[in-house]
Every structure is written in structure tokens, then in C-alpha cells.
C-alpha atoms as a PDB file:
ATOM      1  CA  MET A   1     135.905 137.433 -97.794  1.00  0.00           C
ATOM      2  CA  ASP A   2     133.114 134.843 -97.303  1.00  0.00           C
ATOM      3  CA  LYS A   3     130.222 136.684 -95.799  1.00  0.00           C
ATOM      4  CA  ALA A   4     128.365 133.475 -94.654  1.00  0.00           C
ATOM      5  CA  SER A   5     131.417 132.175 -92.600  1.00  0.00           C
ATOM      6  CA  ILE A   6     132.411 135.378 -91.314  1.00  0.00           C
ATOM      7  CA  ALA A   7     128.721 136.196 -90.110  1.00  0.00           C
ATOM      8  CA  GLY A   8     128.669 132.696 -88.925  1.00  0.00           C
ATOM      9  CA  VAL A   9     131.558 132.933 -86.385  1.00  0.00           C
ATOM     10  CA  PHE A  10     130.171 136.453 -85.184  1.00  0.00           C
ATOM     11  CA  LEU A  11     126.740 135.329 -84.633  1.00  0.00           C
ATOM     12  CA  ALA A  12     127.816 132.045 -82.823  1.00  0.00           C
ATOM     13  CA  ILE A  13     130.256 134.270 -80.451  1.00  0.00           C
ATOM     14  CA  VAL A  14     127.865 137.149 -80.180  1.00  0.00           C
ATOM     15  CA  GLY A  15     124.826 134.851 -79.276  1.00  0.00           C
ATOM     16  CA  ILE A  16     126.554 132.884 -76.625  1.00  0.00           C
ATOM     17  CA  VAL A  17     128.127 135.917 -74.984  1.00  0.00           C
ATOM     18  CA  ALA A  18     124.746 138.020 -75.164  1.00  0.00           C
ATOM     19  CA  GLY A  19     123.115 134.884 -73.530  1.00  0.00           C
ATOM     20  CA  LEU A  20     125.823 134.809 -70.800  1.00  0.00           C
ATOM     21  CA  LEU A  21     125.248 138.418 -70.134  1.00  0.00           C
ATOM     22  CA  MET A  22     121.508 138.393 -70.073  1.00  0.00           C
ATOM     23  CA  GLU A  23     121.716 135.766 -67.241  1.00  0.00           C
ATOM     24  CA  GLY A  24     123.771 137.950 -65.275  1.00  0.00           C
ATOM     25  CA  GLY A  25     126.892 136.565 -66.124  1.00  0.00           C
ATOM     26  CA  ASN A  26     130.218 138.080 -67.166  1.00  0.00           C
ATOM     27  CA  LEU A  27     132.998 137.104 -69.509  1.00  0.00           C
ATOM     28  CA  GLY A  28     135.423 136.459 -66.618  1.00  0.00           C
ATOM     29  CA  GLN A  29     133.509 133.463 -65.510  1.00  0.00           C
ATOM     30  CA  ILE A  30     134.264 131.505 -68.878  1.00  0.00           C
ATOM     31  CA  LEU A  31     137.843 132.802 -69.476  1.00  0.00           C
ATOM     32  CA  GLN A  32     139.782 129.939 -67.530  1.00  0.00           C
ATOM     33  CA  PRO A  33     143.342 129.657 -68.739  1.00  0.00           C
ATOM     34  CA  THR A  34     143.412 126.152 -66.919  1.00  0.00           C
ATOM     35  CA  ALA A  35     140.521 125.021 -68.759  1.00  0.00           C
ATOM     36  CA  ALA A  36     141.531 126.484 -72.041  1.00  0.00           C
ATOM     37  CA  LEU A  37     145.039 124.632 -71.699  1.00  0.00           C
ATOM     38  CA  ILE A  38     143.637 121.217 -70.978  1.00  0.00           C
ATOM     39  CA  VAL A  39     140.773 121.325 -73.973  1.00  0.00           C
ATOM     40  CA  PHE A  40     143.032 123.109 -76.610  1.00  0.00           C
ATOM     41  CA  GLY A  41     146.446 121.103 -75.593  1.00  0.00           C
ATOM     42  CA  GLY A  42     144.787 117.774 -75.198  1.00  0.00           C
ATOM     43  CA  THR A  43     142.905 118.125 -78.615  1.00  0.00           C
ATOM     44  CA  MET A  44     145.908 119.129 -80.487  1.00  0.00           C
ATOM     45  CA  GLY A  45     147.719 116.609 -79.078  1.00  0.00           C
ATOM     46  CA  ALA A  46     145.372 113.725 -79.960  1.00  0.00           C
ATOM     47  CA  VAL A  47     145.050 115.224 -83.465  1.00  0.00           C
ATOM     48  CA  LEU A  48     148.801 115.209 -84.045  1.00  0.00           C
ATOM     49  CA  LEU A  49     148.937 111.665 -82.708  1.00  0.00           C
ATOM     50  CA  GLN A  50     146.501 110.517 -85.397  1.00  0.00           C
ATOM     51  CA  PHE A  51     147.774 112.591 -88.433  1.00  0.00           C
ATOM     52  CA  PRO A  52     151.260 113.390 -89.891  1.00  0.00           C
ATOM     53  CA  LEU A  53     152.460 116.987 -88.921  1.00  0.00           C
ATOM     54  CA  THR A  54     152.371 117.850 -92.444  1.00  0.00           C
ATOM     55  CA  THR A  55     148.685 117.024 -92.980  1.00  0.00           C
ATOM     56  CA  VAL A  56     147.732 118.950 -89.609  1.00  0.00           C
ATOM     57  CA  MET A  57     149.916 122.199 -90.792  1.00  0.00           C
ATOM     58  CA  ALA A  58     148.304 121.904 -94.409  1.00  0.00           C
ATOM     59  CA  ALA A  59     144.723 121.493 -92.748  1.00  0.00           C
ATOM     60  CA  PHE A  60     145.190 124.797 -90.588  1.00  0.00           C
ATOM     61  CA  ARG A  61     146.824 126.811 -93.862  1.00  0.00           C
ATOM     62  CA  SER A  62     143.633 125.958 -95.558  1.00  0.00           C
ATOM     63  CA  LEU A  63     141.499 127.448 -93.034  1.00  0.00           C
ATOM     64  CA  ALA A  64     141.914 130.700 -94.909  1.00  0.00           C
ATOM     65  CA  HIS A  65     139.990 129.280 -97.859  1.00  0.00           C
ATOM     66  CA  VAL A  66     137.066 128.724 -95.166  1.00  0.00           C
ATOM     67  CA  PHE A  67     136.653 132.669 -94.829  1.00  0.00           C
ATOM     68  CA  THR A  68     137.555 133.265 -98.291  1.00  0.00           C
ATOM     69  CA  GLU A  69     134.783 133.535-101.333  1.00  0.00           C
ATOM     70  CA  PRO A  70     135.918 130.796-103.680  1.00  0.00           C
ATOM     71  CA  ARG A  71     136.257 131.730-107.085  1.00  0.00           C
ATOM     72  CA  LYS A  72     133.665 130.096-109.420  1.00  0.00           C
ATOM     73  CA  GLN A  73     135.391 130.184-112.632  1.00  0.00           C
ATOM     74  CA  SER A  74     133.227 127.166-114.265  1.00  0.00           C
ATOM     75  CA  ASP A  75     131.719 129.395-116.792  1.00  0.00           C
ATOM     76  CA  GLN A  76     135.364 131.034-117.910  1.00  0.00           C
ATOM     77  CA  ILE A  77     136.627 127.289-118.166  1.00  0.00           C
ATOM     78  CA  ILE A  78     133.854 126.585-120.435  1.00  0.00           C
ATOM     79  CA  ARG A  79     134.320 129.278-122.815  1.00  0.00           C
ATOM     80  CA  MET A  80     138.071 128.348-122.842  1.00  0.00           C
ATOM     81  CA  LEU A  81     137.358 124.701-123.521  1.00  0.00           C
ATOM     82  CA  ILE A  82     134.686 125.671-126.289  1.00  0.00           C
ATOM     83  CA  ALA A  83     137.793 128.280-127.908  1.00  0.00           C
ATOM     84  CA  PHE A  84     139.996 125.143-127.752  1.00  0.00           C
ATOM     85  CA  ALA A  85     137.153 122.822-129.548  1.00  0.00           C
ATOM     86  CA  ASN A  86     137.019 125.382-132.239  1.00  0.00           C
ATOM     87  CA  LYS A  87     140.699 125.609-132.775  1.00  0.00           C
ATOM     88  CA  ALA A  88     141.231 121.835-132.425  1.00  0.00           C
ATOM     89  CA  ARG A  89     138.480 121.407-135.623  1.00  0.00           C
ATOM     90  CA  ARG A  90     140.090 123.967-137.753  1.00  0.00           C
ATOM     91  CA  ASN A  91     143.774 123.071-136.884  1.00  0.00           C
ATOM     92  CA  GLY A  92     143.891 119.808-135.147  1.00  0.00           C
ATOM     93  CA  VAL A  93     144.415 119.047-131.816  1.00  0.00           C
ATOM     94  CA  VAL A  94     148.198 119.579-131.987  1.00  0.00           C
ATOM     95  CA  SER A  95     147.407 123.295-132.279  1.00  0.00           C
ATOM     96  CA  LEU A  96     146.551 123.287-128.825  1.00  0.00           C
ATOM     97  CA  ASP A  97     150.211 123.059-127.663  1.00  0.00           C
ATOM     98  CA  ALA A  98     150.608 126.986-128.181  1.00  0.00           C
ATOM     99  CA  ASP A  99     147.970 127.342-125.665  1.00  0.00           C
ATOM    100  CA  LEU A 100     149.728 125.475-122.853  1.00  0.00           C
ATOM    101  CA  GLN A 101     151.641 128.578-121.498  1.00  0.00           C
ATOM    102  CA  THR A 102     148.269 130.473-121.206  1.00  0.00           C
ATOM    103  CA  ILE A 103     146.602 127.691-118.897  1.00  0.00           C
ATOM    104  CA  GLN A 104     146.947 128.422-115.069  1.00  0.00           C
ATOM    105  CA  ASP A 105     145.331 125.450-113.884  1.00  0.00           C
ATOM    106  CA  PRO A 106     147.565 122.584-113.305  1.00  0.00           C
ATOM    107  CA  PHE A 107     144.988 119.646-113.847  1.00  0.00           C
ATOM    108  CA  LEU A 108     144.024 121.091-117.016  1.00  0.00           C
ATOM    109  CA  LYS A 109     147.318 121.970-118.432  1.00  0.00           C
ATOM    110  CA  GLN A 110     148.346 118.448-118.032  1.00  0.00           C
ATOM    111  CA  THR A 111     144.980 116.955-119.575  1.00  0.00           C
ATOM    112  CA  ILE A 112     145.622 119.409-122.626  1.00  0.00           C
ATOM    113  CA  MET A 113     149.352 118.142-122.637  1.00  0.00           C
ATOM    114  CA  LEU A 114     148.459 114.353-122.867  1.00  0.00           C
ATOM    115  CA  ALA A 115     146.052 115.212-125.453  1.00  0.00           C
ATOM    116  CA  VAL A 116     148.353 117.076-127.648  1.00  0.00           C
ATOM    117  CA  ASP A 117     150.781 114.090-127.159  1.00  0.00           C
ATOM    118  CA  GLY A 118     148.208 111.924-129.017  1.00  0.00           C
ATOM    119  CA  THR A 119     146.797 110.124-126.102  1.00  0.00           C
ATOM    120  CA  GLU A 120     143.862 107.956-126.926  1.00  0.00           C
ATOM    121  CA  PRO A 121     140.333 109.425-125.142  1.00  0.00           C
ATOM    122  CA  ASN A 122     139.879 105.882-123.117  1.00  0.00           C
ATOM    123  CA  ASP A 123     143.621 106.176-121.843  1.00  0.00           C
ATOM    124  CA  LEU A 124     143.373 109.778-121.381  1.00  0.00           C
ATOM    125  CA  ARG A 125     140.393 109.197-118.742  1.00  0.00           C
ATOM    126  CA  LYS A 126     142.187 106.291-117.029  1.00  0.00           C
ATOM    127  CA  ILE A 127     145.585 108.624-116.564  1.00  0.00           C
ATOM    128  CA  MET A 128     143.778 111.564-115.097  1.00  0.00           C
ATOM    129  CA  GLY A 129     141.144 109.767-113.363  1.00  0.00           C
ATOM    130  CA  VAL A 130     144.055 108.256-111.358  1.00  0.00           C
ATOM    131  CA  SER A 131     145.379 111.556-110.956  1.00  0.00           C
ATOM    132  CA  LEU A 132     142.121 112.910-109.877  1.00  0.00           C
ATOM    133  CA  ASP A 133     141.511 110.408-107.506  1.00  0.00           C
ATOM    134  CA  SER A 134     144.951 111.070-105.727  1.00  0.00           C
ATOM    135  CA  ILE A 135     144.085 114.808-105.505  1.00  0.00           C
ATOM    136  CA  THR A 136     140.839 114.168-103.920  1.00  0.00           C
ATOM    137  CA  GLU A 137     142.223 111.522-101.428  1.00  0.00           C
ATOM    138  CA  SER A 138     145.032 114.058-100.541  1.00  0.00           C
ATOM    139  CA  GLU A 139     142.404 116.943-100.046  1.00  0.00           C
ATOM    140  CA  GLU A 140     140.097 114.971 -98.198  1.00  0.00           C
ATOM    141  CA  ARG A 141     142.457 114.397 -95.302  1.00  0.00           C
ATOM    142  CA  LEU A 142     142.409 118.219 -94.504  1.00  0.00           C
ATOM    143  CA  PRO A 143     138.642 118.450 -93.441  1.00  0.00           C
ATOM    144  CA  ALA A 144     139.229 115.001 -91.590  1.00  0.00           C
ATOM    145  CA  VAL A 145     141.847 116.747 -89.295  1.00  0.00           C
ATOM    146  CA  PHE A 146     138.953 119.091 -88.209  1.00  0.00           C
ATOM    147  CA  GLU A 147     136.408 116.404 -87.883  1.00  0.00           C
ATOM    148  CA  SER A 148     138.819 114.518 -85.693  1.00  0.00           C
ATOM    149  CA  ALA A 149     139.410 117.335 -83.576  1.00  0.00           C
ATOM    150  CA  GLY A 150     135.600 118.032 -83.163  1.00  0.00           C
ATOM    151  CA  GLY A 151     135.124 114.434 -81.957  1.00  0.00           C
ATOM    152  CA  PHE A 152     138.130 114.676 -79.501  1.00  0.00           C
ATOM    153  CA  SER A 153     137.267 118.195 -77.938  1.00  0.00           C
ATOM    154  CA  PRO A 154     134.180 117.324 -76.024  1.00  0.00           C
ATOM    155  CA  THR A 155     135.532 114.263 -74.611  1.00  0.00           C
ATOM    156  CA  ILE A 156     138.849 116.360 -73.609  1.00  0.00           C
ATOM    157  CA  GLY A 157     136.396 118.915 -72.238  1.00  0.00           C
ATOM    158  CA  ILE A 158     134.955 116.086 -69.966  1.00  0.00           C
ATOM    159  CA  LEU A 159     138.382 115.051 -68.797  1.00  0.00           C
ATOM    160  CA  GLY A 160     138.828 118.594 -67.729  1.00  0.00           C
ATOM    161  CA  ALA A 161     135.801 118.532 -65.737  1.00  0.00           C
ATOM    162  CA  VAL A 162     136.918 115.329 -64.130  1.00  0.00           C
ATOM    163  CA  LEU A 163     140.118 116.973 -63.317  1.00  0.00           C
ATOM    164  CA  GLY A 164     138.224 120.103 -61.959  1.00  0.00           C
ATOM    165  CA  LEU A 165     136.188 117.865 -59.725  1.00  0.00           C
ATOM    166  CA  ILE A 166     139.117 115.915 -58.431  1.00  0.00           C
ATOM    167  CA  GLN A 167     140.760 119.077 -57.264  1.00  0.00           C
ATOM    168  CA  VAL A 168     137.103 120.150 -55.501  1.00  0.00           C
ATOM    169  CA  MET A 169     137.361 116.802 -53.729  1.00  0.00           C
ATOM    170  CA  GLN A 170     140.936 117.215 -52.462  1.00  0.00           C
ATOM    171  CA  HIS A 171     140.059 120.907 -51.257  1.00  0.00           C
ATOM    172  CA  ILE A 172     136.492 120.304 -49.878  1.00  0.00           C
ATOM    173  CA  ASP A 173     137.135 121.912 -46.654  1.00  0.00           C
ATOM    174  CA  ASN A 174     138.352 125.151 -48.412  1.00  0.00           C
ATOM    175  CA  VAL A 175     135.455 127.197 -50.029  1.00  0.00           C
ATOM    176  CA  GLN A 176     137.778 129.161 -52.255  1.00  0.00           C
ATOM    177  CA  GLU A 177     139.351 126.112 -53.644  1.00  0.00           C
ATOM    178  CA  VAL A 178     135.984 124.430 -54.208  1.00  0.00           C
ATOM    179  CA  GLY A 179     134.818 126.965 -56.212  1.00  0.00           C
ATOM    180  CA  ARG A 180     137.745 127.372 -58.310  1.00  0.00           C
ATOM    181  CA  GLY A 181     137.720 123.575 -59.131  1.00  0.00           C
ATOM    182  CA  ILE A 182     133.989 123.902 -60.247  1.00  0.00           C
ATOM    183  CA  ALA A 183     134.643 126.519 -62.222  1.00  0.00           C
ATOM    184  CA  VAL A 184     137.281 124.846 -64.161  1.00  0.00           C
ATOM    185  CA  ALA A 185     135.437 121.851 -64.284  1.00  0.00           C
ATOM    186  CA  PHE A 186     132.157 123.646 -66.114  1.00  0.00           C
ATOM    187  CA  VAL A 187     134.444 125.818 -68.264  1.00  0.00           C
ATOM    188  CA  ALA A 188     136.426 122.778 -69.551  1.00  0.00           C
ATOM    189  CA  THR A 189     132.979 121.081 -70.720  1.00  0.00           C
ATOM    190  CA  ILE A 190     131.796 124.489 -72.221  1.00  0.00           C
ATOM    191  CA  TYR A 191     135.246 124.676 -74.388  1.00  0.00           C
ATOM    192  CA  GLY A 192     135.095 121.188 -75.655  1.00  0.00           C
ATOM    193  CA  VAL A 193     131.773 121.307 -76.859  1.00  0.00           C
ATOM    194  CA  GLY A 194     131.852 124.855 -77.936  1.00  0.00           C
ATOM    195  CA  ILE A 195     134.869 124.532 -80.273  1.00  0.00           C
ATOM    196  CA  ALA A 196     133.761 121.426 -81.482  1.00  0.00           C
ATOM    197  CA  ASN A 197     130.297 122.337 -82.570  1.00  0.00           C
ATOM    198  CA  LEU A 198     131.089 125.927 -83.225  1.00  0.00           C
ATOM    199  CA  PHE A 199     134.332 126.100 -85.274  1.00  0.00           C
ATOM    200  CA  PHE A 200     136.042 122.622 -85.759  1.00  0.00           C
ATOM    201  CA  LEU A 201     132.895 120.438 -87.426  1.00  0.00           C
ATOM    202  CA  PRO A 202     131.638 123.637 -89.326  1.00  0.00           C
ATOM    203  CA  PHE A 203     135.024 124.274 -90.894  1.00  0.00           C
ATOM    204  CA  ALA A 204     135.186 120.397 -91.907  1.00  0.00           C
ATOM    205  CA  GLY A 205     131.737 120.890 -93.503  1.00  0.00           C
ATOM    206  CA  LYS A 206     132.837 123.990 -95.383  1.00  0.00           C
ATOM    207  CA  MET A 207     136.194 122.692 -96.561  1.00  0.00           C
ATOM    208  CA  ARG A 208     134.461 119.563 -97.814  1.00  0.00           C
ATOM    209  CA  ILE A 209     131.784 121.592 -99.741  1.00  0.00           C
ATOM    210  CA  GLN A 210     134.538 123.689-101.381  1.00  0.00           C
ATOM    211  CA  ILE A 211     136.536 120.300-102.103  1.00  0.00           C
ATOM    212  CA  ARG A 212     133.535 118.650-103.903  1.00  0.00           C
ATOM    213  CA  GLU A 213     133.008 121.911-105.902  1.00  0.00           C
ATOM    214  CA  GLU A 214     136.817 121.951-107.066  1.00  0.00           C
ATOM    215  CA  ASN A 215     136.651 118.076-107.990  1.00  0.00           C
ATOM    216  CA  GLN A 216     133.827 118.848-110.138  1.00  0.00           C
ATOM    217  CA  ARG A 217     135.267 121.566-111.771  1.00  0.00           C
ATOM    218  CA  ARG A 218     138.297 119.040-112.645  1.00  0.00           C
ATOM    219  CA  GLU A 219     135.715 116.545-113.792  1.00  0.00           C
ATOM    220  CA  MET A 220     134.295 118.978-116.352  1.00  0.00           C
ATOM    221  CA  MET A 221     137.983 119.841-117.522  1.00  0.00           C
ATOM    222  CA  LEU A 222     138.704 116.321-118.168  1.00  0.00           C
ATOM    223  CA  GLU A 223     135.258 115.443-119.956  1.00  0.00           C
ATOM    224  CA  GLY A 224     135.725 118.682-122.084  1.00  0.00           C
ATOM    225  CA  VAL A 225     139.338 117.747-123.310  1.00  0.00           C
ATOM    226  CA  ILE A 226     137.792 114.025-123.897  1.00  0.00           C
ATOM    227  CA  SER A 227     135.363 115.618-126.063  1.00  0.00           C
ATOM    228  CA  ILE A 228     137.596 117.710-127.746  1.00  0.00           C
ATOM    229  CA  LEU A 229     139.596 114.657-128.686  1.00  0.00           C
ATOM    230  CA  GLU A 230     136.452 112.664-129.847  1.00  0.00           C
ATOM    231  CA  GLY A 231     135.632 115.662-132.336  1.00  0.00           C
ATOM    232  CA  ILE A 232     132.180 116.790-130.680  1.00  0.00           C
ATOM    233  CA  ASN A 233     130.815 119.952-132.026  1.00  0.00           C
ATOM    234  CA  PRO A 234     131.474 122.914-129.925  1.00  0.00           C
ATOM    235  CA  ARG A 235     128.064 123.675-129.318  1.00  0.00           C
ATOM    236  CA  MET A 236     127.053 120.332-128.091  1.00  0.00           C
ATOM    237  CA  LEU A 237     130.231 120.555-125.949  1.00  0.00           C
ATOM    238  CA  GLU A 238     128.877 123.918-124.449  1.00  0.00           C
ATOM    239  CA  VAL A 239     125.293 122.146-123.705  1.00  0.00           C
ATOM    240  CA  LYS A 240     127.332 119.069-122.284  1.00  0.00           C
ATOM    241  CA  LEU A 241     129.899 121.018-119.779  1.00  0.00           C
ATOM    242  CA  GLY A 242     126.842 122.956-118.943  1.00  0.00           C
ATOM    243  CA  GLY A 243     125.279 120.322-116.826  1.00  0.00           C
ATOM    244  CA  PHE A 244     128.239 120.676-114.544  1.00  0.00           C
ATOM    245  CA  LEU A 245     127.219 124.229-113.550  1.00  0.00           C
ATOM    246  CA  ASP A 246     124.842 125.149-111.001  1.00  0.00           C
ATOM    247  CA  ASN A 247     122.052 127.755-111.253  1.00  0.00           C
ATOM    248  CA  SER A 248     124.177 130.632-110.472  1.00  0.00           C
ATOM    249  CA  ASP A 249     127.016 129.685-112.770  1.00  0.00           C
ATOM    250  CA  LYS A 250     124.480 128.843-115.449  1.00  0.00           C
ATOM    251  CA  SER A 251     123.045 132.534-115.075  1.00  0.00           C
ATOM    252  CA  LYS A 252     126.557 133.976-115.585  1.00  0.00           C
ATOM    253  CA  GLN A 253     127.135 131.956-118.769  1.00  0.00           C
ATOM    254  CA  GLU A 254     123.648 132.859-120.132  1.00  0.00           C
ATOM    255  CA  ARG A 255     124.679 136.770-119.429  1.00  0.00           C
ATOM    256  CA  ALA A 256     128.004 136.317-120.922  1.00  0.00           C
ATOM    257  CA  ALA A 257     126.685 134.596-124.014  1.00  0.00           C
END
């Protein structure tokens, strides 16, 4: 599990609830089904209107990755590419065909396959560059769903507040109904602003970071395979690909070496 994401959600909820209790409030004051229905229902309706259903479903399925520590395998990929470079220098690039079944990453497997088939380096860069752009565009839609939800929910919260105030004005002579309407009005605003800034927007930000890291690994794979086709020295390849690593990955690579 990603400790930062778990701790972030925990601290956000505990901080708000603790502040409420310290001010003499109680949870019942902010647990308003009517306000929740207005904000969550209105936000989801607006999101579904903007994005296709398949994109929205894929975005919510990808939430699991927000709370899961990403597997940083960049150092392992570099070692694999260096092994491929050594093998290609001894037996030719065609010899890498026997290793295709051992490659799990689809992008790397497709790149090696094209290299084995005799694709020129420039053509390989263009072909896989198009594939990389397509993958990136598809993945960028997922955090965009939560960014849109984070933009809609505060406005929907204000809409809920207005609806609550309308009820207040219609029952101005009934003190009980006035209190209930005001509660719905303020709680709807809290829900709208809260879920936007504590959940939707942070989710989108974390997903974008993970997408950038994954794209960087794909670019490293492509550069590595092209370098193998160009016959680069394996030691030079190791240094070249090391530029794609962050400090933590570089430390792992040094310990492995």
C-alpha cells in the first residue's frame, strides 16, 4: 500500500472531524443524506455528461493505483536492456527473438519485436512514438475525470445551498423546517468543497505523477532498443539509460552493480 496516500486520507478526515468535535459539534451535524445526494448525484451526473461511460469506469478502477505503491522497475529494465545489448553484439539483433516470450511489458515487447524484424532506428522511433503518444493520451483522460469532478462539486455544493435556502424561505414560519433547511444548505457546501479538495483533485494529481513516471519508463525502453539497433556499447548504454532514473532508482542500481 502507498503509505502517503493512506496517511493523507486519514489525516484529512481525522483533522476535520477532530476540529468539529473540538468546537463542540458532532458528526450528526454534517451527516446529511439530502446534501450528500445533491452533491454526489449532481457531480456524477455532470461527469457522465462530459466523459464517456467507459472512461469514467476506467478512471474509478484506476483509483486502486492511487493507494498502491508503484513498482519502480526501471533499474531492472536497464539491466535487461544491457543484457540484450550484449547478446545483440555477439549474435545479432535477430537473436533477441528468443527472449520475446520472457518480456512482460507490452510496450517493450512490441519495440523488441519490431527491432528483430529489421526496422530501421528512425522508423522504429516514429512508429513507437505514435504508440507512446496514443497511450499517453488515453491515460491522461483518467485524471481528467477527477479534475472535472473537483471542478463541478463545489458548484453543485452551492446549488445545494441555494436549494436549502429556498426551503428556508418557504417555511419561514416553521422554526424546525428553517433549521433543517439551513443545515442542508451549509452541509451541501461542505460536501462540495470537501470532496473536491480532499479527494478528487488530489486523486488526479497523484495519478498524473504516476502516468508521467510510466511514460518516462516507456521512453527509456524505446531509447534503449534504438541504441541497441545502433550498436552502442553496453557500458555507454548503461550510462545513457541511467539518465532516466531518479535518485532512489540510481541508488538501487549502484547497489545492484
